[in-house]
Amino acid sequence: MPDCLFCQIVEGKIPAKKVYEDDDVVAFDDIQPQAPVHVLVIPKKHVATLNDLSPQDDAVAGKLFRVAAQLAKQRGIADRGWRATVNVNRDAHQLVFHVHLHLMGGRPFGWPPG
């Protein structure tokens, strides 16, 4: 998707502080962090929202969470706790329409969110 910000990051057209990358997934530090640790984990394949996932996307959707858990351990927040959030569409405050998981931690969070 040529006008998608995250697709441009995947393609290397827009710089990002990547903290993980493999054939399916890229993770990078959020440029407007909402916690001491705030990483975005995205599939390389463009999928606009969770509503648009197909059965062929099941493996990569699961991989987003596994990579987030791995990064939480690397960043030293796994034992205290961290949050994985996926916003879907405008009412949920999805700003970039490319599936992305927010990995956040390093501070206590309240409940309910939002």
Protein backbone atom coordinates (compact mmCIF):
# COMPACT_ATOMS: atom_id res chain seq x y z
CA MET A 1 0.00 0.00 0.00
CA PRO A 2 2.01 3.00 -1.23
CA ASP A 3 0.43 5.65 1.03
CA CYS A 4 0.59 3.57 4.24
CA LEU A 5 3.09 4.93 6.77
CA PHE A 6 3.89 1.49 8.18
CA CYS A 7 4.31 -0.07 4.72
CA GLN A 8 6.84 2.68 4.00
CA ILE A 9 8.69 1.79 7.22
CA VAL A 10 8.70 -1.89 6.19
CA GLU A 11 10.12 -0.89 2.79
CA GLY A 12 12.79 1.31 4.39
CA LYS A 13 11.44 4.49 2.79
CA ILE A 14 10.76 6.06 6.20
CA PRO A 15 13.30 5.58 9.00
CA ALA A 16 12.31 3.92 12.26
CA LYS A 17 14.25 2.65 15.26
CA LYS A 18 13.73 -1.04 14.53
CA VAL A 19 14.17 -3.38 17.48
CA TYR A 20 13.16 -6.61 15.72
CA GLU A 21 12.72 -7.81 12.16
CA ASP A 22 12.21 -11.14 10.43
CA ASP A 23 10.48 -12.28 7.23
CA ASP A 24 6.98 -11.59 8.59
CA VAL A 25 7.17 -8.96 11.33
CA VAL A 26 8.86 -5.65 12.15
CA ALA A 27 8.96 -3.99 15.57
CA PHE A 28 10.08 -0.44 16.24
CA ASP A 29 9.97 2.13 19.01
CA ASP A 30 6.89 4.36 18.96
CA ILE A 31 7.78 7.98 18.18
CA GLN A 32 5.17 9.22 20.68
CA PRO A 33 5.64 6.78 23.58
CA GLN A 34 2.89 6.50 26.16
CA ALA A 35 5.06 4.47 28.56
CA PRO A 36 8.79 4.04 29.22
CA VAL A 37 8.65 1.04 26.87
CA HIS A 38 6.38 1.54 23.86
CA VAL A 39 7.08 -0.62 20.83
CA LEU A 40 4.88 -1.17 17.78
CA VAL A 41 4.85 -4.69 16.36
CA ILE A 42 3.48 -4.95 12.83
CA PRO A 43 3.11 -7.54 10.09
CA LYS A 44 5.09 -6.77 6.96
CA LYS A 45 2.00 -7.64 4.92
CA HIS A 46 -0.46 -4.77 4.76
CA VAL A 47 -3.72 -5.53 6.56
CA ALA A 48 -5.71 -2.44 7.49
CA THR A 49 -7.45 -3.63 10.70
CA LEU A 50 -8.06 -6.80 12.69
CA ASN A 51 -11.43 -6.89 10.95
CA ASP A 52 -9.58 -7.52 7.69
CA LEU A 53 -7.55 -10.55 8.80
CA SER A 54 -8.10 -13.75 6.86
CA PRO A 55 -7.39 -17.35 7.89
CA GLN A 56 -4.12 -17.06 5.95
CA ASP A 57 -3.05 -14.37 8.47
CA ASP A 58 -3.49 -16.57 11.56
CA ALA A 59 0.19 -17.44 11.94
CA VAL A 60 1.45 -13.88 11.63
CA ALA A 61 -1.28 -12.57 13.95
CA GLY A 62 -0.08 -14.98 16.62
CA LYS A 63 3.52 -14.07 15.88
CA LEU A 64 2.82 -10.42 16.76
CA PHE A 65 2.07 -11.49 20.33
CA ARG A 66 5.01 -13.88 20.57
CA VAL A 67 7.41 -11.18 19.36
CA ALA A 68 5.87 -8.71 21.83
CA ALA A 69 6.49 -11.18 24.68
CA GLN A 70 10.08 -11.70 23.53
CA LEU A 71 10.67 -7.93 23.41
CA ALA A 72 9.08 -7.49 26.85
CA LYS A 73 11.63 -9.95 28.23
CA GLN A 74 14.49 -8.19 26.43
CA ARG A 75 13.37 -4.80 27.76
CA GLY A 76 13.09 -6.12 31.34
CA ILE A 77 9.34 -5.58 31.77
CA ALA A 78 8.03 -9.13 31.39
CA ASP A 79 8.00 -10.01 35.10
CA ARG A 80 6.41 -6.77 36.38
CA GLY A 81 3.80 -6.67 33.64
CA TRP A 82 3.12 -5.15 30.26
CA ARG A 83 0.20 -4.38 28.04
CA ALA A 84 -0.52 -5.48 24.47
CA THR A 85 -3.11 -3.32 22.78
CA VAL A 86 -4.55 -3.37 19.28
CA ASN A 87 -6.84 -0.49 18.37
CA VAL A 88 -9.41 -1.21 15.66
CA ASN A 89 -10.90 1.65 13.65
CA ARG A 90 -11.43 5.29 14.54
CA ASP A 91 -13.57 4.99 17.69
CA ALA A 92 -10.79 2.87 19.22
CA HIS A 93 -8.22 5.51 18.18
CA GLN A 94 -6.54 3.57 15.37
CA LEU A 95 -4.53 6.27 13.62
CA VAL A 96 -2.55 4.20 11.12
CA PHE A 97 -4.64 1.72 9.17
CA HIS A 98 -2.12 -1.12 9.16
CA VAL A 99 -2.54 -3.73 11.91
CA HIS A 100 -0.19 -2.97 14.78
CA LEU A 101 0.21 -4.16 18.34
CA HIS A 102 1.28 -1.66 20.99
CA LEU A 103 3.68 -3.24 23.50
CA MET A 104 3.76 -0.93 26.53
CA GLY A 105 5.31 -1.28 29.96
CA GLY A 106 7.70 0.12 32.50
CA ARG A 107 4.98 1.82 34.54
CA PRO A 108 1.73 0.78 36.24
CA PHE A 109 -1.43 0.97 34.12
CA GLY A 110 -4.96 1.69 35.28
CA TRP A 111 -8.11 -0.28 34.50
CA PRO A 112 -10.31 0.17 32.65
CA PRO A 113 -8.19 1.66 29.88
CA GLY A 114 -9.25 4.66 27.85
